[in-house]
N, C-alpha and C. Protein backbone atom coordinates (compact mmCIF):
# COMPACT_ATOMS: atom_id res chain seq x y z
N MET A 1 0.80 -1.18 0.00
CA MET A 1 0.00 0.00 0.00
C MET A 1 0.85 1.26 0.00
N THR A 2 2.03 1.17 0.51
CA THR A 2 2.87 2.35 0.57
C THR A 2 3.14 2.92 -0.81
N THR A 3 2.94 2.11 -1.83
CA THR A 3 3.11 2.60 -3.19
C THR A 3 1.78 3.00 -3.81
N GLY A 4 0.73 3.06 -3.02
CA GLY A 4 -0.56 3.49 -3.53
C GLY A 4 -1.56 2.36 -3.72
N ASP A 5 -1.13 1.11 -3.61
CA ASP A 5 -2.03 -0.02 -3.76
C ASP A 5 -2.75 -0.27 -2.44
N ALA A 6 -4.03 -0.63 -2.51
CA ALA A 6 -4.79 -0.96 -1.32
C ALA A 6 -4.38 -2.33 -0.81
N VAL A 7 -4.45 -2.51 0.49
CA VAL A 7 -4.16 -3.79 1.12
C VAL A 7 -5.43 -4.23 1.84
N THR A 8 -5.90 -5.44 1.55
CA THR A 8 -7.13 -5.92 2.15
C THR A 8 -6.80 -7.09 3.06
N GLY A 9 -7.38 -7.05 4.26
CA GLY A 9 -7.18 -8.11 5.24
C GLY A 9 -8.42 -8.95 5.40
N ARG A 10 -8.45 -9.65 6.51
CA ARG A 10 -9.61 -10.48 6.82
C ARG A 10 -10.87 -9.63 6.90
N ASP A 11 -11.99 -10.24 6.72
CA ASP A 11 -13.29 -9.57 6.82
C ASP A 11 -13.45 -8.44 5.82
N GLY A 12 -12.61 -8.39 4.79
CA GLY A 12 -12.73 -7.35 3.78
C GLY A 12 -12.30 -5.97 4.20
N VAL A 13 -11.63 -5.85 5.35
CA VAL A 13 -11.13 -4.56 5.81
C VAL A 13 -9.95 -4.16 4.94
N ALA A 14 -9.98 -2.94 4.43
CA ALA A 14 -8.92 -2.46 3.53
C ALA A 14 -8.14 -1.32 4.17
N LEU A 15 -6.81 -1.39 4.05
CA LEU A 15 -5.96 -0.29 4.49
C LEU A 15 -5.84 0.71 3.36
N ARG A 16 -5.87 1.99 3.73
CA ARG A 16 -5.63 3.05 2.77
C ARG A 16 -5.04 4.25 3.52
N GLU A 17 -4.50 5.16 2.75
CA GLU A 17 -3.92 6.36 3.34
C GLU A 17 -4.98 7.15 4.12
N MET A 18 -4.62 7.61 5.31
CA MET A 18 -5.50 8.45 6.10
C MET A 18 -5.60 9.82 5.42
N ARG A 19 -6.81 10.32 5.31
CA ARG A 19 -7.04 11.62 4.70
C ARG A 19 -7.87 12.49 5.63
N TRP A 20 -8.01 13.75 5.29
CA TRP A 20 -8.70 14.69 6.19
C TRP A 20 -10.12 14.26 6.48
N TRP A 21 -10.78 13.64 5.53
CA TRP A 21 -12.17 13.24 5.74
C TRP A 21 -12.33 12.06 6.71
N ASP A 22 -11.22 11.46 7.10
CA ASP A 22 -11.25 10.39 8.09
C ASP A 22 -11.19 10.91 9.52
N MET A 23 -10.99 12.19 9.70
CA MET A 23 -10.74 12.75 11.03
C MET A 23 -11.82 12.39 12.04
N ALA A 24 -13.08 12.55 11.71
CA ALA A 24 -14.16 12.25 12.66
C ALA A 24 -14.13 10.79 13.08
N GLY A 25 -13.94 9.89 12.13
CA GLY A 25 -13.88 8.46 12.47
C GLY A 25 -12.68 8.10 13.31
N VAL A 26 -11.53 8.68 13.01
CA VAL A 26 -10.32 8.42 13.78
C VAL A 26 -10.49 8.96 15.21
N LEU A 27 -11.05 10.15 15.34
CA LEU A 27 -11.24 10.70 16.68
C LEU A 27 -12.25 9.88 17.49
N ALA A 28 -13.25 9.31 16.83
CA ALA A 28 -14.20 8.43 17.53
C ALA A 28 -13.49 7.17 18.02
N LEU A 29 -12.62 6.60 17.17
CA LEU A 29 -11.85 5.43 17.61
C LEU A 29 -10.89 5.80 18.75
N GLU A 30 -10.27 6.96 18.67
CA GLU A 30 -9.40 7.43 19.76
C GLU A 30 -10.16 7.44 21.07
N ALA A 31 -11.36 8.00 21.06
CA ALA A 31 -12.17 8.09 22.28
C ALA A 31 -12.53 6.71 22.81
N GLU A 32 -12.80 5.78 21.89
CA GLU A 32 -13.11 4.40 22.29
C GLU A 32 -11.90 3.70 22.89
N LEU A 33 -10.77 3.80 22.21
CA LEU A 33 -9.59 3.01 22.56
C LEU A 33 -8.73 3.63 23.66
N PHE A 34 -8.66 4.94 23.67
CA PHE A 34 -7.77 5.63 24.60
C PHE A 34 -8.53 6.76 25.32
N PRO A 35 -9.57 6.41 26.06
CA PRO A 35 -10.45 7.46 26.61
C PRO A 35 -9.74 8.44 27.53
N ARG A 36 -8.70 8.01 28.20
CA ARG A 36 -8.02 8.88 29.17
C ARG A 36 -6.87 9.66 28.56
N ASP A 37 -6.36 9.21 27.42
CA ASP A 37 -5.22 9.93 26.83
C ASP A 37 -5.31 10.00 25.30
N ALA A 38 -6.53 10.20 24.82
CA ALA A 38 -6.74 10.30 23.37
C ALA A 38 -6.03 11.52 22.80
N TRP A 39 -5.53 11.38 21.59
CA TRP A 39 -4.95 12.51 20.89
C TRP A 39 -6.06 13.49 20.51
N SER A 40 -5.70 14.74 20.47
CA SER A 40 -6.65 15.77 20.07
C SER A 40 -6.71 15.85 18.55
N GLU A 41 -7.74 16.53 18.06
CA GLU A 41 -7.85 16.76 16.63
C GLU A 41 -6.66 17.55 16.11
N ALA A 42 -6.19 18.52 16.90
CA ALA A 42 -5.04 19.32 16.50
C ALA A 42 -3.79 18.46 16.34
N MET A 43 -3.62 17.46 17.21
CA MET A 43 -2.45 16.57 17.10
C MET A 43 -2.51 15.79 15.79
N TYR A 44 -3.70 15.30 15.43
CA TYR A 44 -3.81 14.56 14.17
C TYR A 44 -3.59 15.46 12.96
N TRP A 45 -4.10 16.68 13.00
CA TRP A 45 -3.86 17.60 11.89
C TRP A 45 -2.37 17.85 11.73
N ALA A 46 -1.67 18.01 12.84
CA ALA A 46 -0.22 18.24 12.77
C ALA A 46 0.49 17.04 12.16
N GLU A 47 0.07 15.84 12.52
CA GLU A 47 0.67 14.63 11.96
C GLU A 47 0.38 14.51 10.47
N LEU A 48 -0.87 14.75 10.09
CA LEU A 48 -1.25 14.63 8.67
C LEU A 48 -0.55 15.68 7.80
N ALA A 49 -0.22 16.81 8.39
CA ALA A 49 0.48 17.85 7.63
C ALA A 49 1.82 17.36 7.10
N GLY A 50 2.43 16.41 7.78
CA GLY A 50 3.71 15.86 7.34
C GLY A 50 3.62 14.59 6.54
N ALA A 51 2.39 14.22 6.14
CA ALA A 51 2.18 12.92 5.49
C ALA A 51 2.07 12.98 3.97
N ARG A 52 2.16 14.17 3.40
CA ARG A 52 2.00 14.29 1.95
C ARG A 52 3.05 15.24 1.40
N GLY A 53 3.31 15.09 0.12
CA GLY A 53 4.18 16.00 -0.58
C GLY A 53 5.65 15.68 -0.43
N PRO A 54 6.48 16.46 -1.11
CA PRO A 54 7.93 16.24 -1.03
C PRO A 54 8.42 16.53 0.40
N GLY A 55 9.35 15.74 0.83
CA GLY A 55 9.89 15.92 2.18
C GLY A 55 8.99 15.40 3.28
N ARG A 56 8.01 14.59 2.93
CA ARG A 56 7.10 14.07 3.96
C ARG A 56 7.87 13.24 4.97
N THR A 57 7.40 13.26 6.21
CA THR A 57 8.05 12.50 7.29
C THR A 57 7.05 11.65 8.07
N ARG A 58 5.86 11.51 7.56
CA ARG A 58 4.81 10.75 8.24
C ARG A 58 4.14 9.81 7.25
N HIS A 59 3.60 8.72 7.81
CA HIS A 59 2.78 7.78 7.02
C HIS A 59 1.65 7.32 7.93
N TYR A 60 0.42 7.70 7.59
CA TYR A 60 -0.75 7.35 8.38
C TYR A 60 -1.74 6.59 7.51
N VAL A 61 -2.30 5.53 8.06
CA VAL A 61 -3.28 4.72 7.34
C VAL A 61 -4.51 4.51 8.21
N VAL A 62 -5.62 4.20 7.54
CA VAL A 62 -6.83 3.77 8.22
C VAL A 62 -7.20 2.40 7.67
N ALA A 63 -7.91 1.65 8.47
CA ALA A 63 -8.46 0.36 8.08
C ALA A 63 -9.96 0.55 7.95
N GLU A 64 -10.45 0.44 6.73
CA GLU A 64 -11.86 0.72 6.45
C GLU A 64 -12.61 -0.58 6.22
N ALA A 65 -13.69 -0.75 6.97
CA ALA A 65 -14.54 -1.94 6.84
C ALA A 65 -15.36 -1.81 5.55
N PRO A 66 -15.89 -2.95 5.06
CA PRO A 66 -16.69 -2.92 3.83
C PRO A 66 -17.88 -1.95 3.89
N ASP A 67 -18.40 -1.69 5.10
CA ASP A 67 -19.54 -0.77 5.22
C ASP A 67 -19.11 0.70 5.29
N GLY A 68 -17.79 0.96 5.17
CA GLY A 68 -17.30 2.33 5.18
C GLY A 68 -16.87 2.86 6.54
N THR A 69 -17.15 2.10 7.60
CA THR A 69 -16.72 2.55 8.93
C THR A 69 -15.23 2.24 9.12
N LEU A 70 -14.60 3.00 10.02
CA LEU A 70 -13.20 2.76 10.31
C LEU A 70 -13.07 1.71 11.40
N ALA A 71 -12.21 0.74 11.15
CA ALA A 71 -11.98 -0.35 12.09
C ALA A 71 -10.64 -0.19 12.81
N GLY A 72 -9.78 0.68 12.29
CA GLY A 72 -8.48 0.88 12.91
C GLY A 72 -7.67 1.92 12.16
N TYR A 73 -6.47 2.17 12.67
CA TYR A 73 -5.60 3.17 12.08
C TYR A 73 -4.20 2.99 12.64
N GLY A 74 -3.25 3.64 12.02
CA GLY A 74 -1.87 3.60 12.52
C GLY A 74 -1.07 4.70 11.88
N GLY A 75 0.02 5.07 12.55
CA GLY A 75 0.86 6.13 12.03
C GLY A 75 2.32 5.93 12.35
N LEU A 76 3.15 6.38 11.45
CA LEU A 76 4.60 6.30 11.56
C LEU A 76 5.18 7.69 11.37
N SER A 77 6.17 8.03 12.19
CA SER A 77 6.93 9.27 12.04
C SER A 77 8.37 8.89 11.74
N VAL A 78 9.03 9.70 10.92
CA VAL A 78 10.41 9.43 10.55
C VAL A 78 11.27 10.64 10.83
N ALA A 79 12.42 10.40 11.44
CA ALA A 79 13.42 11.44 11.65
C ALA A 79 14.78 10.81 11.32
N GLY A 80 15.37 11.28 10.25
CA GLY A 80 16.64 10.69 9.82
C GLY A 80 16.43 9.25 9.43
N ALA A 81 17.24 8.37 10.01
CA ALA A 81 17.16 6.95 9.70
C ALA A 81 16.31 6.17 10.70
N SER A 82 15.60 6.89 11.58
CA SER A 82 14.76 6.23 12.59
C SER A 82 13.29 6.49 12.33
N GLY A 83 12.53 5.42 12.40
CA GLY A 83 11.08 5.53 12.34
C GLY A 83 10.50 5.28 13.72
N GLU A 84 9.34 5.82 13.97
CA GLU A 84 8.68 5.57 15.23
C GLU A 84 7.20 5.32 14.98
N VAL A 85 6.71 4.19 15.47
CA VAL A 85 5.27 3.93 15.42
C VAL A 85 4.64 4.86 16.44
N MET A 86 3.87 5.80 15.93
CA MET A 86 3.26 6.81 16.80
C MET A 86 1.97 6.32 17.43
N THR A 87 1.21 5.54 16.67
CA THR A 87 -0.07 5.05 17.18
C THR A 87 -0.55 3.89 16.31
N ILE A 88 -1.15 2.93 16.97
CA ILE A 88 -1.90 1.86 16.30
C ILE A 88 -3.14 1.63 17.14
N GLY A 89 -4.27 1.55 16.50
CA GLY A 89 -5.49 1.27 17.22
C GLY A 89 -6.43 0.44 16.37
N VAL A 90 -7.09 -0.53 17.00
CA VAL A 90 -8.08 -1.37 16.34
C VAL A 90 -9.31 -1.40 17.22
N THR A 91 -10.47 -1.11 16.63
CA THR A 91 -11.70 -1.10 17.40
C THR A 91 -11.90 -2.43 18.12
N GLY A 92 -12.49 -2.36 19.29
CA GLY A 92 -12.68 -3.55 20.11
C GLY A 92 -13.39 -4.68 19.39
N ALA A 93 -14.33 -4.34 18.54
CA ALA A 93 -15.10 -5.36 17.80
C ALA A 93 -14.24 -6.14 16.82
N ARG A 94 -13.08 -5.62 16.44
CA ARG A 94 -12.23 -6.28 15.45
C ARG A 94 -10.88 -6.71 16.01
N GLN A 95 -10.68 -6.55 17.30
CA GLN A 95 -9.41 -6.98 17.87
C GLN A 95 -9.32 -8.50 17.87
N GLY A 96 -8.10 -9.01 17.77
CA GLY A 96 -7.89 -10.45 17.78
C GLY A 96 -8.07 -11.12 16.44
N ARG A 97 -8.19 -10.35 15.36
CA ARG A 97 -8.41 -10.90 14.02
C ARG A 97 -7.26 -10.61 13.06
N GLY A 98 -6.15 -10.10 13.58
CA GLY A 98 -5.00 -9.85 12.72
C GLY A 98 -4.93 -8.46 12.11
N LEU A 99 -5.89 -7.60 12.43
CA LEU A 99 -5.89 -6.27 11.84
C LEU A 99 -4.72 -5.42 12.36
N GLY A 100 -4.40 -5.54 13.65
CA GLY A 100 -3.24 -4.83 14.18
C GLY A 100 -1.97 -5.24 13.48
N ALA A 101 -1.84 -6.53 13.17
CA ALA A 101 -0.66 -7.02 12.45
C ALA A 101 -0.61 -6.46 11.04
N LEU A 102 -1.75 -6.35 10.39
CA LEU A 102 -1.80 -5.81 9.05
C LEU A 102 -1.36 -4.34 9.04
N VAL A 103 -1.83 -3.57 10.02
CA VAL A 103 -1.45 -2.16 10.13
C VAL A 103 0.05 -2.05 10.42
N LEU A 104 0.54 -2.84 11.37
CA LEU A 104 1.96 -2.79 11.71
C LEU A 104 2.83 -3.18 10.53
N ALA A 105 2.45 -4.19 9.78
CA ALA A 105 3.22 -4.58 8.60
C ALA A 105 3.29 -3.43 7.60
N GLU A 106 2.19 -2.72 7.42
CA GLU A 106 2.19 -1.56 6.51
C GLU A 106 3.12 -0.46 7.01
N LEU A 107 3.12 -0.19 8.32
CA LEU A 107 4.00 0.84 8.86
C LEU A 107 5.46 0.45 8.71
N LEU A 108 5.77 -0.82 8.88
CA LEU A 108 7.15 -1.28 8.69
C LEU A 108 7.57 -1.19 7.22
N ALA A 109 6.65 -1.50 6.31
CA ALA A 109 6.95 -1.35 4.89
C ALA A 109 7.22 0.11 4.55
N ALA A 110 6.45 1.00 5.14
CA ALA A 110 6.66 2.43 4.91
C ALA A 110 8.02 2.86 5.46
N ALA A 111 8.39 2.35 6.63
CA ALA A 111 9.70 2.68 7.21
C ALA A 111 10.82 2.26 6.28
N GLU A 112 10.66 1.11 5.64
CA GLU A 112 11.68 0.66 4.67
C GLU A 112 11.73 1.60 3.48
N GLU A 113 10.56 2.04 3.00
CA GLU A 113 10.55 2.97 1.88
C GLU A 113 11.20 4.31 2.25
N PHE A 114 11.07 4.70 3.51
CA PHE A 114 11.73 5.92 4.00
C PHE A 114 13.22 5.69 4.23
N ALA A 115 13.70 4.47 4.03
CA ALA A 115 15.10 4.08 4.24
C ALA A 115 15.52 4.15 5.71
N CYS A 116 14.61 3.81 6.59
CA CYS A 116 14.91 3.77 8.01
C CYS A 116 15.79 2.56 8.32
N ASP A 117 16.68 2.72 9.28
CA ASP A 117 17.50 1.62 9.77
C ASP A 117 16.83 0.89 10.93
N GLU A 118 15.93 1.61 11.63
CA GLU A 118 15.27 1.05 12.80
C GLU A 118 13.90 1.67 12.96
N VAL A 119 13.06 0.97 13.73
CA VAL A 119 11.75 1.48 14.11
C VAL A 119 11.61 1.29 15.61
N LEU A 120 11.16 2.34 16.26
CA LEU A 120 10.96 2.33 17.70
C LEU A 120 9.47 2.47 17.99
N LEU A 121 9.07 2.12 19.20
CA LEU A 121 7.71 2.35 19.67
C LEU A 121 7.68 2.27 21.18
N GLU A 122 6.62 2.82 21.75
CA GLU A 122 6.35 2.68 23.18
C GLU A 122 5.03 1.94 23.33
N VAL A 123 4.94 1.11 24.36
CA VAL A 123 3.72 0.38 24.64
C VAL A 123 3.58 0.26 26.15
N ARG A 124 2.35 0.38 26.63
CA ARG A 124 2.13 0.30 28.08
C ARG A 124 2.61 -1.07 28.59
N VAL A 125 3.22 -1.03 29.77
CA VAL A 125 3.75 -2.27 30.34
C VAL A 125 2.66 -3.30 30.62
N ASP A 126 1.41 -2.86 30.78
CA ASP A 126 0.33 -3.79 31.06
C ASP A 126 -0.45 -4.21 29.80
N ASN A 127 0.05 -3.87 28.62
CA ASN A 127 -0.64 -4.25 27.38
C ASN A 127 0.06 -5.46 26.76
N ALA A 128 -0.19 -6.62 27.37
CA ALA A 128 0.47 -7.86 26.93
C ALA A 128 0.12 -8.25 25.48
N PRO A 129 -1.14 -8.11 25.02
CA PRO A 129 -1.41 -8.48 23.62
C PRO A 129 -0.59 -7.65 22.63
N ALA A 130 -0.47 -6.37 22.86
CA ALA A 130 0.33 -5.52 21.96
C ALA A 130 1.80 -5.93 22.01
N GLN A 131 2.31 -6.21 23.19
CA GLN A 131 3.72 -6.63 23.32
C GLN A 131 3.98 -7.93 22.53
N ARG A 132 3.03 -8.88 22.60
CA ARG A 132 3.18 -10.12 21.85
C ARG A 132 3.22 -9.85 20.34
N LEU A 133 2.34 -8.96 19.90
CA LEU A 133 2.32 -8.59 18.48
C LEU A 133 3.68 -8.03 18.07
N TYR A 134 4.18 -7.09 18.82
CA TYR A 134 5.44 -6.44 18.46
C TYR A 134 6.61 -7.42 18.50
N GLN A 135 6.61 -8.31 19.47
CA GLN A 135 7.68 -9.31 19.55
C GLN A 135 7.62 -10.25 18.35
N ARG A 136 6.40 -10.59 17.91
CA ARG A 136 6.24 -11.44 16.73
C ARG A 136 6.83 -10.78 15.50
N PHE A 137 6.84 -9.47 15.47
CA PHE A 137 7.39 -8.72 14.34
C PHE A 137 8.86 -8.37 14.55
N GLY A 138 9.49 -8.93 15.56
CA GLY A 138 10.92 -8.74 15.75
C GLY A 138 11.32 -7.57 16.64
N PHE A 139 10.38 -6.91 17.29
CA PHE A 139 10.71 -5.84 18.22
C PHE A 139 11.25 -6.43 19.51
N VAL A 140 12.26 -5.79 20.06
CA VAL A 140 12.82 -6.19 21.35
C VAL A 140 12.78 -5.01 22.31
N ARG A 141 12.67 -5.34 23.56
CA ARG A 141 12.62 -4.33 24.61
C ARG A 141 14.01 -3.71 24.77
N ILE A 142 14.06 -2.37 24.80
CA ILE A 142 15.35 -1.71 25.01
C ILE A 142 15.34 -0.78 26.21
N GLY A 143 14.18 -0.58 26.84
CA GLY A 143 14.14 0.29 28.00
C GLY A 143 12.73 0.49 28.52
N VAL A 144 12.64 1.28 29.57
CA VAL A 144 11.36 1.61 30.20
C VAL A 144 11.31 3.12 30.40
N ARG A 145 10.18 3.71 30.10
CA ARG A 145 9.96 5.12 30.40
C ARG A 145 8.96 5.17 31.55
N ARG A 146 9.47 5.55 32.70
CA ARG A 146 8.64 5.60 33.91
C ARG A 146 7.61 6.73 33.81
N GLY A 147 6.37 6.40 34.15
CA GLY A 147 5.30 7.41 34.19
C GLY A 147 4.99 8.04 32.84
N TYR A 148 5.27 7.36 31.76
CA TYR A 148 5.15 7.91 30.42
C TYR A 148 3.71 8.23 30.04
N TYR A 149 2.79 7.32 30.33
CA TYR A 149 1.40 7.51 29.94
C TYR A 149 0.65 8.25 31.05
N GLN A 150 0.04 9.36 30.65
CA GLN A 150 -0.70 10.19 31.57
C GLN A 150 -2.13 10.36 31.04
N PRO A 151 -3.12 10.53 31.89
CA PRO A 151 -3.01 10.42 33.33
C PRO A 151 -2.83 8.96 33.77
N GLY A 152 -2.53 8.78 35.00
CA GLY A 152 -2.38 7.46 35.55
C GLY A 152 -0.97 7.04 35.84
N ASN A 153 0.01 7.79 35.28
CA ASN A 153 1.40 7.52 35.61
C ASN A 153 1.82 6.09 35.28
N HIS A 154 1.42 5.59 34.09
CA HIS A 154 1.75 4.23 33.67
C HIS A 154 3.09 4.22 32.94
N ASP A 155 3.86 3.19 33.19
CA ASP A 155 5.15 3.03 32.52
C ASP A 155 4.96 2.54 31.09
N ALA A 156 5.94 2.84 30.25
CA ALA A 156 5.95 2.36 28.87
C ALA A 156 7.22 1.58 28.62
N LEU A 157 7.07 0.45 27.93
CA LEU A 157 8.23 -0.26 27.42
C LEU A 157 8.64 0.42 26.12
N VAL A 158 9.93 0.62 25.95
CA VAL A 158 10.44 1.11 24.68
C VAL A 158 10.94 -0.11 23.93
N MET A 159 10.48 -0.27 22.71
CA MET A 159 10.85 -1.43 21.90
C MET A 159 11.45 -0.95 20.60
N ARG A 160 12.33 -1.77 20.05
CA ARG A 160 13.06 -1.42 18.82
C ARG A 160 13.13 -2.63 17.89
N ARG A 161 13.05 -2.33 16.62
CA ARG A 161 13.30 -3.34 15.60
C ARG A 161 14.29 -2.76 14.60
N ALA A 162 15.41 -3.44 14.42
CA ALA A 162 16.35 -3.07 13.38
C ALA A 162 15.78 -3.58 12.07
N LEU A 163 15.72 -2.72 11.06
CA LEU A 163 15.12 -3.15 9.80
C LEU A 163 15.99 -4.07 9.00
N ASP A 164 17.27 -4.16 9.34
CA ASP A 164 18.09 -5.15 8.66
C ASP A 164 17.81 -6.55 9.19
N ASP A 165 17.02 -6.66 10.28
CA ASP A 165 16.63 -7.97 10.80
C ASP A 165 15.66 -8.67 9.85
N ARG A 166 14.89 -7.91 9.11
CA ARG A 166 13.98 -8.37 8.07
C ARG A 166 13.01 -9.47 8.44
N SER A 167 12.86 -9.78 9.74
CA SER A 167 11.79 -10.71 10.08
C SER A 167 10.48 -9.97 9.91
N ASP A 168 9.58 -10.50 9.14
CA ASP A 168 8.37 -9.77 8.81
C ASP A 168 7.20 -10.14 9.71
N GLY A 169 7.44 -10.79 10.80
CA GLY A 169 6.39 -11.17 11.70
C GLY A 169 5.49 -12.17 11.04
N ALA A 170 5.59 -13.35 11.21
CA ALA A 170 4.79 -14.38 10.55
C ALA A 170 3.44 -13.86 10.10
N ALA A 171 2.71 -14.66 9.45
CA ALA A 171 1.41 -14.25 8.96
C ALA A 171 0.58 -13.69 10.11
N PRO A 172 -0.23 -12.67 9.82
CA PRO A 172 -1.04 -12.08 10.90
C PRO A 172 -1.80 -13.14 11.65
N GLY A 173 -1.74 -13.04 12.97
CA GLY A 173 -2.41 -14.00 13.82
C GLY A 173 -3.53 -13.36 14.60
N ASN A 174 -3.71 -13.80 15.82
CA ASN A 174 -4.83 -13.33 16.62
C ASN A 174 -4.45 -12.27 17.62
N ASP A 175 -3.21 -11.79 17.62
CA ASP A 175 -2.82 -10.76 18.57
C ASP A 175 -2.95 -9.40 17.90
N ASP A 176 -3.74 -8.53 18.48
CA ASP A 176 -3.82 -7.15 18.06
C ASP A 176 -3.37 -6.31 19.24
N GLY A 177 -2.77 -5.18 18.95
CA GLY A 177 -2.34 -4.33 20.04
C GLY A 177 -2.57 -2.90 19.70
N GLU A 178 -2.50 -2.10 20.71
CA GLU A 178 -2.55 -0.69 20.52
C GLU A 178 -1.34 -0.11 21.22
N THR A 179 -0.79 0.91 20.63
CA THR A 179 0.30 1.65 21.23
C THR A 179 0.05 3.10 20.94
N LYS A 180 0.59 3.91 21.73
CA LYS A 180 0.42 5.33 21.49
C LYS A 180 1.61 6.06 22.06
N ASP A 181 2.08 6.99 21.27
CA ASP A 181 3.15 7.89 21.71
C ASP A 181 2.51 9.25 21.81
N ASP A 182 2.34 9.74 23.01
CA ASP A 182 1.70 11.05 23.20
C ASP A 182 2.73 12.16 23.29
N GLY A 183 3.99 11.85 22.95
CA GLY A 183 5.03 12.85 23.12
C GLY A 183 5.25 13.72 21.97
């Protein structure tokens, strides 16, 4: 999809580039998935501003169900040779069906197109399903950020995947995760 082709997963859900008209649906998913620390509309506009045109440094996608509703989304930020998964979210009704893996695979493909050497992410220490997903894709724990997620003062694991490792995370399975970088 990073080259413009749509990617379709289970249940007919298709990944496509996030656009301005997706904002209401993405914000609704944010409220569902991250009620205490959802990103604001202004944060998403700032991210999308870097996702198009020459010199772009962002790649954001949505997962659209056959009925047109959004089932998930994800975003990647790039600085130099490092990519960072900024957010991945899958609606509760579709978790456990491989959609998180489909989104993550797309973000990793985009990182390769950006010529990144590594991809980093943060994930709550108590989000075991997301950690399993990331480990399946070759991410390893490299540190902890104490009190990273607010409110609530929850710690975040910092995970890294070197892109020269090229493990593509076996076929999407039943682990879906959400991660968010609010920084």
